[in-house]
């Protein structure tokens, strides 16, 4: 969600040719990054099994990594917990 949102926030002003639109994004992005890290800490503390998930899944900000990881021969789709 955060990776997709970040691409959306960066891509919209560029697609519209409004480089001034990047200025507010520069102020918003640190808060989004902080929120993602804060959410990771909260989930690790309050959700059973999330710490093990963090150790097993290296990149959690981009869903494509989950798809690639589940397609590897040593992993089955049913073993991957999201």
N, C-alpha and C. Protein backbone atom coordinates (compact mmCIF):
# COMPACT_ATOMS: atom_id res chain seq x y z
N UNK A 1 0.82 -1.18 0.00
CA UNK A 1 0.00 0.00 0.00
C UNK A 1 0.87 1.25 0.00
N UNK A 2 1.89 1.26 0.84
CA UNK A 2 2.73 2.45 0.93
C UNK A 2 3.57 2.63 -0.34
N UNK A 3 4.04 1.55 -0.91
CA UNK A 3 4.82 1.66 -2.14
C UNK A 3 3.94 2.18 -3.28
N UNK A 4 2.75 1.64 -3.41
CA UNK A 4 1.83 2.09 -4.45
C UNK A 4 1.40 3.53 -4.25
N UNK A 5 1.13 3.90 -3.00
CA UNK A 5 0.76 5.28 -2.70
C UNK A 5 1.88 6.26 -3.01
N UNK A 6 3.09 5.84 -2.72
CA UNK A 6 4.24 6.70 -3.00
C UNK A 6 4.41 6.91 -4.51
N UNK A 7 4.24 5.84 -5.27
CA UNK A 7 4.33 5.98 -6.73
C UNK A 7 3.23 6.89 -7.27
N UNK A 8 2.04 6.76 -6.69
CA UNK A 8 0.92 7.61 -7.09
C UNK A 8 1.21 9.08 -6.78
N UNK A 9 1.72 9.33 -5.56
CA UNK A 9 2.01 10.70 -5.16
C UNK A 9 3.11 11.32 -6.02
N UNK A 10 4.10 10.53 -6.37
CA UNK A 10 5.18 11.06 -7.20
C UNK A 10 4.79 11.16 -8.68
N UNK A 11 4.01 10.20 -9.14
CA UNK A 11 3.68 10.14 -10.56
C UNK A 11 2.64 11.14 -11.02
N UNK A 12 1.70 11.49 -10.15
CA UNK A 12 0.62 12.38 -10.56
C UNK A 12 1.13 13.77 -10.98
N UNK A 13 1.93 14.44 -10.16
CA UNK A 13 2.42 15.75 -10.63
C UNK A 13 3.30 15.64 -11.87
N UNK A 14 4.08 14.56 -11.96
CA UNK A 14 4.92 14.40 -13.15
C UNK A 14 4.08 14.17 -14.40
N UNK A 15 3.03 13.37 -14.26
CA UNK A 15 2.15 13.10 -15.41
C UNK A 15 1.41 14.36 -15.84
N UNK A 16 1.10 15.22 -14.89
CA UNK A 16 0.39 16.46 -15.21
C UNK A 16 1.34 17.60 -15.59
N UNK A 17 2.64 17.35 -15.48
CA UNK A 17 3.62 18.37 -15.83
C UNK A 17 3.70 19.49 -14.80
N UNK A 18 3.28 19.22 -13.58
CA UNK A 18 3.30 20.23 -12.52
C UNK A 18 4.42 19.91 -11.54
N UNK A 19 5.57 20.49 -11.78
CA UNK A 19 6.70 20.22 -10.91
C UNK A 19 6.53 20.87 -9.54
N UNK A 20 5.69 21.88 -9.45
CA UNK A 20 5.38 22.48 -8.16
C UNK A 20 4.60 21.49 -7.28
N UNK A 21 3.96 20.53 -7.89
CA UNK A 21 3.23 19.52 -7.13
C UNK A 21 4.16 18.59 -6.36
N UNK A 22 5.43 18.57 -6.73
CA UNK A 22 6.40 17.73 -6.01
C UNK A 22 6.80 18.35 -4.67
N UNK A 23 6.63 19.66 -4.52
CA UNK A 23 7.02 20.33 -3.28
C UNK A 23 6.21 19.82 -2.08
N UNK A 24 4.88 19.77 -2.15
CA UNK A 24 4.14 19.25 -1.00
C UNK A 24 4.44 17.76 -0.74
N UNK A 25 4.75 17.03 -1.79
CA UNK A 25 5.05 15.61 -1.62
C UNK A 25 6.34 15.43 -0.83
N UNK A 26 7.28 16.33 -1.03
CA UNK A 26 8.54 16.27 -0.27
C UNK A 26 8.29 16.45 1.22
N UNK A 27 7.23 17.16 1.57
CA UNK A 27 6.91 17.31 2.99
C UNK A 27 6.07 16.16 3.51
N UNK A 28 5.31 15.50 2.65
CA UNK A 28 4.43 14.41 3.07
C UNK A 28 5.18 13.07 3.17
N UNK A 29 6.14 12.85 2.29
CA UNK A 29 6.83 11.55 2.24
C UNK A 29 7.50 11.14 3.54
N UNK A 30 8.17 12.04 4.27
CA UNK A 30 8.75 11.59 5.55
C UNK A 30 7.70 11.08 6.53
N UNK A 31 6.52 11.68 6.51
CA UNK A 31 5.45 11.21 7.40
C UNK A 31 4.93 9.84 6.97
N UNK A 32 4.85 9.59 5.68
CA UNK A 32 4.43 8.27 5.20
C UNK A 32 5.46 7.20 5.56
N UNK A 33 6.73 7.54 5.43
CA UNK A 33 7.78 6.60 5.79
C UNK A 33 7.74 6.31 7.29
N UNK A 34 7.57 7.38 8.09
CA UNK A 34 7.46 7.19 9.54
C UNK A 34 6.26 6.31 9.88
N UNK A 35 5.14 6.54 9.22
CA UNK A 35 3.93 5.76 9.50
C UNK A 35 4.13 4.28 9.16
N UNK A 36 4.82 4.01 8.07
CA UNK A 36 5.08 2.61 7.69
C UNK A 36 5.95 1.92 8.74
N UNK A 37 7.00 2.59 9.19
CA UNK A 37 7.86 2.01 10.23
C UNK A 37 7.11 1.85 11.55
N UNK A 38 6.28 2.84 11.89
CA UNK A 38 5.50 2.75 13.11
C UNK A 38 4.50 1.59 13.04
N UNK A 39 3.91 1.39 11.89
CA UNK A 39 2.98 0.28 11.70
C UNK A 39 3.69 -1.07 11.83
N UNK A 40 4.89 -1.16 11.28
CA UNK A 40 5.68 -2.39 11.41
C UNK A 40 5.97 -2.70 12.88
N UNK A 41 6.37 -1.69 13.64
CA UNK A 41 6.63 -1.89 15.07
C UNK A 41 5.37 -2.32 15.81
N UNK A 42 4.24 -1.67 15.50
CA UNK A 42 2.97 -2.01 16.15
C UNK A 42 2.58 -3.45 15.85
N UNK A 43 2.69 -3.84 14.58
CA UNK A 43 2.31 -5.21 14.21
C UNK A 43 3.24 -6.24 14.85
N UNK A 44 4.53 -5.95 14.91
CA UNK A 44 5.47 -6.88 15.53
C UNK A 44 5.18 -7.04 17.01
N UNK A 45 4.71 -5.98 17.64
CA UNK A 45 4.43 -6.03 19.08
C UNK A 45 3.09 -6.69 19.38
N UNK A 46 2.08 -6.45 18.55
CA UNK A 46 0.70 -6.83 18.89
C UNK A 46 0.12 -7.98 18.08
N UNK A 47 0.76 -8.38 17.01
CA UNK A 47 0.22 -9.44 16.17
C UNK A 47 1.07 -10.70 16.30
N UNK A 48 0.52 -11.76 16.86
CA UNK A 48 1.30 -12.99 17.02
C UNK A 48 1.79 -13.52 15.67
N UNK A 49 3.06 -13.86 15.62
CA UNK A 49 3.63 -14.42 14.40
C UNK A 49 4.19 -13.40 13.43
N UNK A 50 3.97 -12.12 13.69
CA UNK A 50 4.43 -11.11 12.73
C UNK A 50 5.95 -10.97 12.75
N UNK A 51 6.55 -11.17 13.91
CA UNK A 51 8.02 -11.09 13.98
C UNK A 51 8.67 -12.17 13.11
N UNK A 52 8.09 -13.38 13.13
CA UNK A 52 8.59 -14.45 12.27
C UNK A 52 8.38 -14.11 10.81
N UNK A 53 7.24 -13.50 10.52
CA UNK A 53 6.96 -13.07 9.15
C UNK A 53 7.99 -12.04 8.69
N UNK A 54 8.34 -11.10 9.56
CA UNK A 54 9.34 -10.09 9.22
C UNK A 54 10.69 -10.73 8.91
N UNK A 55 11.03 -11.77 9.63
CA UNK A 55 12.30 -12.45 9.39
C UNK A 55 12.28 -13.21 8.07
N UNK A 56 11.12 -13.77 7.73
CA UNK A 56 11.00 -14.59 6.53
C UNK A 56 10.85 -13.76 5.25
N UNK A 57 10.14 -12.64 5.32
CA UNK A 57 9.87 -11.80 4.16
C UNK A 57 10.69 -10.53 4.28
N UNK A 58 11.65 -10.40 3.42
CA UNK A 58 12.59 -9.28 3.52
C UNK A 58 11.96 -7.96 3.09
N UNK A 59 11.25 -7.96 1.98
CA UNK A 59 10.65 -6.73 1.45
C UNK A 59 9.16 -6.80 1.63
N UNK A 60 8.63 -6.01 2.55
CA UNK A 60 7.19 -6.04 2.82
C UNK A 60 6.47 -4.85 2.21
N UNK A 61 7.18 -3.89 1.67
CA UNK A 61 6.53 -2.69 1.16
C UNK A 61 6.02 -2.87 -0.27
N UNK A 62 6.45 -3.91 -0.95
CA UNK A 62 6.06 -4.11 -2.34
C UNK A 62 5.51 -5.53 -2.50
N UNK A 63 4.28 -5.63 -2.94
CA UNK A 63 3.60 -6.93 -3.03
C UNK A 63 4.21 -7.86 -4.06
N UNK A 64 4.91 -7.34 -5.04
CA UNK A 64 5.50 -8.20 -6.08
C UNK A 64 6.49 -9.18 -5.47
N UNK A 65 7.14 -8.80 -4.40
CA UNK A 65 8.09 -9.70 -3.75
C UNK A 65 7.37 -10.91 -3.14
N UNK A 66 6.16 -10.69 -2.64
CA UNK A 66 5.40 -11.82 -2.09
C UNK A 66 5.02 -12.79 -3.20
N UNK A 67 4.67 -12.28 -4.36
CA UNK A 67 4.30 -13.13 -5.48
C UNK A 67 5.51 -13.92 -5.97
N UNK A 68 6.64 -13.25 -6.12
CA UNK A 68 7.86 -13.92 -6.58
C UNK A 68 8.30 -14.96 -5.56
N UNK A 69 8.25 -14.61 -4.28
CA UNK A 69 8.68 -15.54 -3.26
C UNK A 69 7.79 -16.78 -3.22
N UNK A 70 6.49 -16.61 -3.42
CA UNK A 70 5.59 -17.76 -3.38
C UNK A 70 5.72 -18.62 -4.62
N UNK A 71 6.29 -18.09 -5.70
CA UNK A 71 6.44 -18.86 -6.93
C UNK A 71 7.74 -19.67 -6.97
N UNK A 72 8.63 -19.45 -6.00
CA UNK A 72 9.87 -20.20 -5.96
C UNK A 72 9.58 -21.67 -5.69
N UNK A 73 10.40 -22.58 -6.20
CA UNK A 73 10.12 -24.01 -6.05
C UNK A 73 10.09 -24.50 -4.61
N UNK A 74 10.80 -23.85 -3.70
CA UNK A 74 10.84 -24.31 -2.32
C UNK A 74 9.66 -23.83 -1.49
N UNK A 75 8.84 -22.97 -2.04
CA UNK A 75 7.71 -22.43 -1.31
C UNK A 75 6.41 -22.81 -2.03
N UNK A 76 5.41 -23.11 -1.26
CA UNK A 76 4.09 -23.28 -1.87
C UNK A 76 3.24 -22.09 -1.48
N UNK A 77 2.25 -21.79 -2.25
CA UNK A 77 1.40 -20.64 -2.00
C UNK A 77 0.70 -20.76 -0.66
N UNK A 78 0.33 -21.95 -0.26
CA UNK A 78 -0.38 -22.14 1.00
C UNK A 78 0.50 -21.93 2.21
N UNK A 79 1.80 -22.07 2.08
CA UNK A 79 2.70 -21.87 3.21
C UNK A 79 2.97 -20.40 3.47
N UNK A 80 2.75 -19.55 2.51
CA UNK A 80 3.03 -18.12 2.67
C UNK A 80 1.91 -17.47 3.46
N UNK A 81 2.26 -16.95 4.62
CA UNK A 81 1.27 -16.22 5.42
C UNK A 81 1.44 -14.75 5.16
N UNK A 82 0.33 -14.08 4.91
CA UNK A 82 0.39 -12.65 4.67
C UNK A 82 -0.09 -12.01 5.89
